Structures are given as structure tokens and as C-alpha cells.
Amino acid sequence: MKELGKHLIVELYDCEASLINDLKHVEKIMMDAAIAAKATIIEHKFHKFAPHGISGVLIIAESHFTIHTWPEFGYCAVDIFTCGDLTENPIALEIMKKGFGCKFYSAIEMKRGLLNLPAEQIKHKPSA
């Protein structure tokens, strides 16, 4: 069976509070991670909450990256969901871990859209 996409569900612990509560920094790290992973960024939106915390999303041609931060706990919840075989999700995760000062993490990868079709019938983007 061939999957349509891979979904990394990531927990980042013991992150540096000042970094994960800085809107511009969080946005930059997420963008850098997507670019390094060879994702095609379509649009992005990030929001800072009062008194703390940030939520953000990158819409990419391959699907999406999302983040929600809890600086008061040094914690980030991250989703890296990509379709196709061209993105390098482990590279994106490494950039996020370093960029947020993460000391411990857990990650689970799920295969999404398992289809009982020959691989050549599964197209992730329209053909030219």
C-alpha cells in the first residue's frame, strides 16, 4: 500500500520560553524549517496570545506545518504533514528543535491516506 502523506506529530519539551514566545522568531524558525525540508510555502499566518503563547500555520503545496506554544511550560505542539516523497521532514524537525532550544522531544509518524492502489496511480500534484 502507498500512502498519500506522512504526518509527524511532535512534542517539544523544555524549550526556551523567550524563544517560543517571540512571534517573529517562531515564524522565522517555522519558515526556515519548511524551506530546508524542500516544502513549497503557499501562505502563512501566526498569532501571539496575551499574556503568552503563539499559534501558527504554514500552508504548503504538500499540506501544512502547524505550531502551538506554551512558553510558561516550555512546550510546543507541532504537526508536520506532507504529501509526496520530496520533502525532508526530519530536517524540518531538527531546525525546530535547535531553533526553539528544545532539550527533549517525542515524535510519532503516521502514514495518511493508505490506498490499495498501484503507486503509479497515486498523484500528489496535478500533472503538467
N, C-alpha and C. Protein backbone atom coordinates (compact mmCIF):
# COMPACT_ATOMS: atom_id res chain seq x y z
N MET A 1 0.84 -1.19 0.00
CA MET A 1 0.00 0.00 0.00
C MET A 1 0.88 1.25 0.00
N LYS A 2 0.45 2.23 -0.72
CA LYS A 2 1.16 3.50 -0.82
C LYS A 2 0.34 4.56 -0.10
N GLU A 3 1.02 5.36 0.72
CA GLU A 3 0.31 6.43 1.43
C GLU A 3 0.31 7.72 0.62
N LEU A 4 -0.71 8.55 0.89
CA LEU A 4 -0.76 9.87 0.27
C LEU A 4 0.19 10.83 0.98
N GLY A 5 0.35 10.66 2.29
CA GLY A 5 1.19 11.58 3.03
C GLY A 5 1.75 11.00 4.31
N LYS A 6 2.68 11.75 4.89
CA LYS A 6 3.27 11.41 6.18
C LYS A 6 2.95 12.54 7.15
N HIS A 7 2.55 12.18 8.35
CA HIS A 7 2.16 13.16 9.36
C HIS A 7 3.02 12.94 10.60
N LEU A 8 3.91 13.88 10.87
CA LEU A 8 4.72 13.85 12.09
C LEU A 8 3.98 14.63 13.17
N ILE A 9 3.70 13.98 14.26
CA ILE A 9 3.09 14.63 15.43
C ILE A 9 4.20 14.76 16.45
N VAL A 10 4.56 16.00 16.78
CA VAL A 10 5.76 16.26 17.55
C VAL A 10 5.44 17.01 18.84
N GLU A 11 6.11 16.59 19.91
CA GLU A 11 6.05 17.27 21.21
C GLU A 11 7.46 17.77 21.51
N LEU A 12 7.62 19.08 21.66
CA LEU A 12 8.91 19.67 22.01
C LEU A 12 8.84 20.13 23.47
N TYR A 13 9.73 19.60 24.30
CA TYR A 13 9.74 19.89 25.73
C TYR A 13 10.98 20.67 26.13
N ASP A 14 10.87 21.35 27.26
CA ASP A 14 11.99 22.11 27.82
C ASP A 14 12.59 23.08 26.81
N CYS A 15 11.70 23.75 26.07
CA CYS A 15 12.13 24.77 25.12
C CYS A 15 12.40 26.07 25.87
N GLU A 16 13.17 26.94 25.25
CA GLU A 16 13.48 28.23 25.86
C GLU A 16 12.26 29.15 25.73
N ALA A 17 11.71 29.53 26.88
CA ALA A 17 10.45 30.30 26.91
C ALA A 17 10.52 31.57 26.08
N SER A 18 11.62 32.30 26.16
CA SER A 18 11.71 33.56 25.42
C SER A 18 11.67 33.33 23.91
N LEU A 19 12.20 32.21 23.45
CA LEU A 19 12.21 31.92 22.02
C LEU A 19 10.83 31.52 21.52
N ILE A 20 10.11 30.70 22.29
CA ILE A 20 8.81 30.23 21.82
C ILE A 20 7.67 31.20 22.15
N ASN A 21 8.04 32.35 22.73
CA ASN A 21 7.06 33.40 22.96
C ASN A 21 7.35 34.64 22.10
N ASP A 22 8.30 34.50 21.19
CA ASP A 22 8.69 35.59 20.29
C ASP A 22 8.08 35.31 18.91
N LEU A 23 7.07 36.07 18.56
CA LEU A 23 6.30 35.84 17.34
C LEU A 23 7.21 35.79 16.11
N LYS A 24 8.07 36.76 15.94
CA LYS A 24 8.94 36.81 14.75
C LYS A 24 9.90 35.62 14.72
N HIS A 25 10.41 35.24 15.91
CA HIS A 25 11.34 34.10 15.96
C HIS A 25 10.63 32.80 15.59
N VAL A 26 9.46 32.57 16.16
CA VAL A 26 8.71 31.35 15.85
C VAL A 26 8.39 31.29 14.36
N GLU A 27 7.93 32.39 13.81
CA GLU A 27 7.62 32.44 12.38
C GLU A 27 8.85 32.14 11.54
N LYS A 28 9.99 32.75 11.89
CA LYS A 28 11.23 32.53 11.13
C LYS A 28 11.68 31.08 11.20
N ILE A 29 11.65 30.48 12.37
CA ILE A 29 12.09 29.09 12.50
C ILE A 29 11.17 28.16 11.69
N MET A 30 9.88 28.39 11.77
CA MET A 30 8.94 27.55 11.01
C MET A 30 9.17 27.70 9.50
N MET A 31 9.38 28.92 9.04
CA MET A 31 9.64 29.17 7.62
C MET A 31 10.96 28.53 7.20
N ASP A 32 12.00 28.73 8.02
CA ASP A 32 13.31 28.13 7.73
C ASP A 32 13.20 26.61 7.65
N ALA A 33 12.43 26.02 8.57
CA ALA A 33 12.27 24.56 8.60
C ALA A 33 11.59 24.07 7.32
N ALA A 34 10.56 24.76 6.90
CA ALA A 34 9.84 24.36 5.68
C ALA A 34 10.73 24.48 4.45
N ILE A 35 11.46 25.57 4.37
CA ILE A 35 12.36 25.78 3.22
C ILE A 35 13.44 24.70 3.19
N ALA A 36 14.05 24.43 4.34
CA ALA A 36 15.11 23.42 4.40
C ALA A 36 14.58 22.02 4.06
N ALA A 37 13.31 21.78 4.37
CA ALA A 37 12.69 20.48 4.07
C ALA A 37 12.25 20.37 2.62
N LYS A 38 12.46 21.45 1.85
CA LYS A 38 12.09 21.49 0.42
C LYS A 38 10.58 21.54 0.21
N ALA A 39 9.87 22.11 1.19
CA ALA A 39 8.43 22.31 1.05
C ALA A 39 8.20 23.60 0.26
N THR A 40 7.06 23.68 -0.39
CA THR A 40 6.68 24.86 -1.18
C THR A 40 5.68 25.67 -0.37
N ILE A 41 6.11 26.80 0.18
CA ILE A 41 5.25 27.62 1.04
C ILE A 41 4.26 28.40 0.17
N ILE A 42 2.98 28.27 0.51
CA ILE A 42 1.91 28.98 -0.19
C ILE A 42 1.51 30.22 0.60
N GLU A 43 1.29 30.03 1.89
CA GLU A 43 0.83 31.12 2.77
C GLU A 43 1.18 30.77 4.21
N HIS A 44 1.25 31.82 5.05
CA HIS A 44 1.50 31.58 6.47
C HIS A 44 0.77 32.60 7.33
N LYS A 45 0.43 32.19 8.53
CA LYS A 45 -0.25 33.07 9.48
C LYS A 45 0.15 32.64 10.89
N PHE A 46 0.59 33.63 11.69
CA PHE A 46 0.98 33.39 13.08
C PHE A 46 0.29 34.42 13.96
N HIS A 47 -0.06 34.01 15.17
CA HIS A 47 -0.76 34.89 16.10
C HIS A 47 -0.16 34.73 17.49
N LYS A 48 0.07 35.88 18.17
CA LYS A 48 0.57 35.86 19.54
C LYS A 48 -0.59 36.16 20.48
N PHE A 49 -0.72 35.33 21.51
CA PHE A 49 -1.76 35.49 22.51
C PHE A 49 -1.23 36.28 23.70
N ALA A 50 -2.13 36.90 24.45
CA ALA A 50 -1.77 37.60 25.68
C ALA A 50 -2.24 36.75 26.86
N PRO A 51 -1.45 36.51 27.85
CA PRO A 51 -0.13 37.10 28.06
C PRO A 51 1.00 36.35 27.36
N HIS A 52 0.77 35.13 26.85
CA HIS A 52 1.85 34.40 26.20
C HIS A 52 1.26 33.27 25.34
N GLY A 53 2.11 32.79 24.44
CA GLY A 53 1.72 31.69 23.56
C GLY A 53 1.54 32.15 22.13
N ILE A 54 1.89 31.27 21.22
CA ILE A 54 1.79 31.56 19.79
C ILE A 54 1.18 30.35 19.09
N SER A 55 0.33 30.62 18.11
CA SER A 55 -0.17 29.58 17.21
C SER A 55 0.15 30.02 15.79
N GLY A 56 0.52 29.06 14.96
CA GLY A 56 0.83 29.41 13.59
C GLY A 56 0.66 28.26 12.64
N VAL A 57 0.48 28.62 11.38
CA VAL A 57 0.30 27.62 10.33
C VAL A 57 1.04 28.07 9.07
N LEU A 58 1.68 27.10 8.43
CA LEU A 58 2.23 27.29 7.10
C LEU A 58 1.42 26.40 6.18
N ILE A 59 0.78 26.98 5.22
CA ILE A 59 0.12 26.19 4.19
C ILE A 59 1.17 25.96 3.12
N ILE A 60 1.44 24.72 2.84
CA ILE A 60 2.44 24.37 1.84
C ILE A 60 1.76 23.56 0.74
N ALA A 61 2.36 23.56 -0.42
CA ALA A 61 1.78 22.80 -1.54
C ALA A 61 1.62 21.33 -1.17
N GLU A 62 2.48 20.86 -0.28
CA GLU A 62 2.48 19.46 0.12
C GLU A 62 1.54 19.17 1.29
N SER A 63 0.98 20.17 1.96
CA SER A 63 -0.01 20.09 3.03
C SER A 63 0.18 21.23 4.03
N HIS A 64 0.75 20.95 5.24
CA HIS A 64 0.87 22.03 6.22
C HIS A 64 1.87 21.73 7.33
N PHE A 65 2.36 22.80 7.95
CA PHE A 65 3.12 22.76 9.20
C PHE A 65 2.31 23.61 10.19
N THR A 66 2.13 23.14 11.42
CA THR A 66 1.48 23.97 12.44
C THR A 66 2.28 23.93 13.73
N ILE A 67 2.08 24.97 14.56
CA ILE A 67 2.72 25.03 15.87
C ILE A 67 1.80 25.74 16.85
N HIS A 68 1.83 25.28 18.09
CA HIS A 68 1.15 25.94 19.21
C HIS A 68 2.16 25.92 20.36
N THR A 69 2.43 27.09 20.94
CA THR A 69 3.44 27.16 22.01
C THR A 69 2.82 27.51 23.35
N TRP A 70 3.40 26.95 24.39
CA TRP A 70 3.06 27.26 25.78
C TRP A 70 4.37 27.63 26.47
N PRO A 71 4.79 28.90 26.33
CA PRO A 71 6.08 29.30 26.92
C PRO A 71 6.15 29.07 28.43
N GLU A 72 5.01 29.22 29.12
CA GLU A 72 5.01 29.05 30.57
C GLU A 72 5.35 27.61 30.98
N PHE A 73 5.25 26.67 30.03
CA PHE A 73 5.61 25.27 30.28
C PHE A 73 6.81 24.82 29.44
N GLY A 74 7.35 25.73 28.62
CA GLY A 74 8.47 25.37 27.75
C GLY A 74 8.11 24.32 26.72
N TYR A 75 6.86 24.34 26.27
CA TYR A 75 6.32 23.26 25.43
C TYR A 75 5.78 23.79 24.10
N CYS A 76 5.99 22.99 23.04
CA CYS A 76 5.42 23.27 21.73
C CYS A 76 4.78 21.99 21.18
N ALA A 77 3.60 22.13 20.60
CA ALA A 77 2.95 21.05 19.86
C ALA A 77 3.09 21.40 18.38
N VAL A 78 3.66 20.47 17.61
CA VAL A 78 3.96 20.71 16.20
C VAL A 78 3.39 19.58 15.35
N ASP A 79 2.83 19.95 14.21
CA ASP A 79 2.43 18.97 13.20
C ASP A 79 3.21 19.29 11.93
N ILE A 80 3.76 18.26 11.32
CA ILE A 80 4.41 18.37 10.02
C ILE A 80 3.73 17.34 9.14
N PHE A 81 2.85 17.81 8.27
CA PHE A 81 2.08 16.90 7.41
C PHE A 81 2.44 17.20 5.97
N THR A 82 3.01 16.21 5.28
CA THR A 82 3.43 16.42 3.90
C THR A 82 2.99 15.25 3.03
N CYS A 83 2.63 15.57 1.80
CA CYS A 83 2.27 14.56 0.81
C CYS A 83 3.43 14.42 -0.16
N GLY A 84 3.54 13.26 -0.74
CA GLY A 84 4.61 13.02 -1.70
C GLY A 84 5.89 12.60 -1.00
N ASP A 85 6.94 12.46 -1.81
CA ASP A 85 8.22 11.96 -1.30
C ASP A 85 9.33 12.99 -1.40
N LEU A 86 9.02 14.23 -1.71
CA LEU A 86 10.07 15.21 -1.95
C LEU A 86 10.50 16.00 -0.72
N THR A 87 9.64 16.10 0.29
CA THR A 87 10.01 16.88 1.47
C THR A 87 10.84 16.02 2.43
N GLU A 88 11.67 16.71 3.19
CA GLU A 88 12.56 16.05 4.15
C GLU A 88 12.16 16.46 5.56
N ASN A 89 11.12 15.80 6.07
CA ASN A 89 10.56 16.15 7.38
C ASN A 89 11.56 16.07 8.52
N PRO A 90 12.49 15.09 8.55
CA PRO A 90 13.46 15.07 9.65
C PRO A 90 14.33 16.33 9.71
N ILE A 91 14.64 16.91 8.56
CA ILE A 91 15.42 18.15 8.54
C ILE A 91 14.61 19.28 9.17
N ALA A 92 13.33 19.36 8.82
CA ALA A 92 12.46 20.40 9.41
C ALA A 92 12.42 20.25 10.93
N LEU A 93 12.28 19.04 11.41
CA LEU A 93 12.23 18.80 12.85
C LEU A 93 13.52 19.23 13.54
N GLU A 94 14.66 18.92 12.95
CA GLU A 94 15.94 19.32 13.56
C GLU A 94 16.06 20.83 13.67
N ILE A 95 15.64 21.55 12.65
CA ILE A 95 15.69 23.02 12.68
C ILE A 95 14.80 23.56 13.79
N MET A 96 13.60 22.99 13.95
CA MET A 96 12.70 23.43 15.01
C MET A 96 13.28 23.15 16.38
N LYS A 97 13.82 21.95 16.58
CA LYS A 97 14.40 21.60 17.88
C LYS A 97 15.50 22.58 18.26
N LYS A 98 16.41 22.84 17.34
CA LYS A 98 17.52 23.77 17.61
C LYS A 98 17.01 25.19 17.79
N GLY A 99 16.13 25.62 16.91
CA GLY A 99 15.65 26.99 16.93
C GLY A 99 14.84 27.36 18.16
N PHE A 100 14.22 26.38 18.79
CA PHE A 100 13.41 26.63 19.98
C PHE A 100 14.12 26.22 21.27
N GLY A 101 15.38 25.78 21.15
CA GLY A 101 16.14 25.39 22.33
C GLY A 101 15.57 24.16 23.02
N CYS A 102 15.01 23.25 22.25
CA CYS A 102 14.37 22.05 22.78
C CYS A 102 15.41 21.11 23.39
N LYS A 103 15.14 20.64 24.60
CA LYS A 103 16.04 19.71 25.27
C LYS A 103 15.55 18.26 25.18
N PHE A 104 14.25 18.07 24.95
CA PHE A 104 13.68 16.72 24.86
C PHE A 104 12.49 16.79 23.91
N TYR A 105 12.31 15.74 23.14
CA TYR A 105 11.17 15.72 22.21
C TYR A 105 10.66 14.29 22.04
N SER A 106 9.45 14.20 21.53
CA SER A 106 8.93 12.92 21.06
C SER A 106 8.24 13.18 19.73
N ALA A 107 8.30 12.19 18.85
CA ALA A 107 7.68 12.32 17.53
C ALA A 107 7.11 10.98 17.11
N ILE A 108 5.92 11.05 16.56
CA ILE A 108 5.25 9.87 16.02
C ILE A 108 4.94 10.17 14.56
N GLU A 109 5.28 9.23 13.68
CA GLU A 109 4.94 9.41 12.27
C GLU A 109 3.78 8.49 11.91
N MET A 110 2.77 9.08 11.33
CA MET A 110 1.62 8.33 10.84
C MET A 110 1.61 8.40 9.31
N LYS A 111 1.28 7.31 8.69
CA LYS A 111 1.06 7.33 7.25
C LYS A 111 -0.42 7.65 7.04
N ARG A 112 -0.69 8.65 6.20
CA ARG A 112 -2.05 9.10 5.97
C ARG A 112 -2.49 8.73 4.56
N GLY A 113 -3.77 8.40 4.42
CA GLY A 113 -4.32 8.09 3.11
C GLY A 113 -3.76 6.81 2.51
N LEU A 114 -3.78 5.75 3.30
CA LEU A 114 -3.32 4.46 2.78
C LEU A 114 -4.33 3.95 1.75
N LEU A 115 -3.87 3.80 0.54
CA LEU A 115 -4.74 3.38 -0.54
C LEU A 115 -4.23 2.08 -1.14
N ASN A 116 -5.13 1.21 -1.48
CA ASN A 116 -4.78 -0.05 -2.10
C ASN A 116 -4.77 0.12 -3.62
N LEU A 117 -3.84 0.96 -4.07
CA LEU A 117 -3.68 1.24 -5.50
C LEU A 117 -2.22 1.09 -5.87
N PRO A 118 -1.92 0.81 -7.11
CA PRO A 118 -0.51 0.82 -7.53
C PRO A 118 0.06 2.23 -7.34
N ALA A 119 1.31 2.30 -6.94
CA ALA A 119 1.95 3.59 -6.65
C ALA A 119 1.85 4.57 -7.81
N GLU A 120 1.94 4.07 -9.04
CA GLU A 120 1.91 4.98 -10.20
C GLU A 120 0.54 5.65 -10.39
N GLN A 121 -0.51 5.13 -9.75
CA GLN A 121 -1.83 5.74 -9.86
C GLN A 121 -2.05 6.85 -8.82
N ILE A 122 -1.15 6.95 -7.87
CA ILE A 122 -1.30 7.96 -6.82
C ILE A 122 -0.49 9.19 -7.21
N LYS A 123 -1.19 10.27 -7.48
CA LYS A 123 -0.54 11.52 -7.85
C LYS A 123 -0.77 12.52 -6.71
N HIS A 124 0.32 13.18 -6.31
CA HIS A 124 0.22 14.15 -5.23
C HIS A 124 -0.03 15.57 -5.74
N LYS A 125 0.35 15.84 -6.95
CA LYS A 125 0.13 17.14 -7.56
C LYS A 125 -0.36 16.91 -8.98
N PRO A 126 -1.11 17.88 -9.52
CA PRO A 126 -1.58 17.71 -10.90
C PRO A 126 -0.42 17.52 -11.87
N SER A 127 -0.61 16.71 -12.86
CA SER A 127 0.41 16.52 -13.90
C SER A 127 0.39 17.71 -14.83
N ALA A 128 1.55 18.02 -15.39
CA ALA A 128 1.66 19.16 -16.31
C ALA A 128 1.01 18.82 -17.64
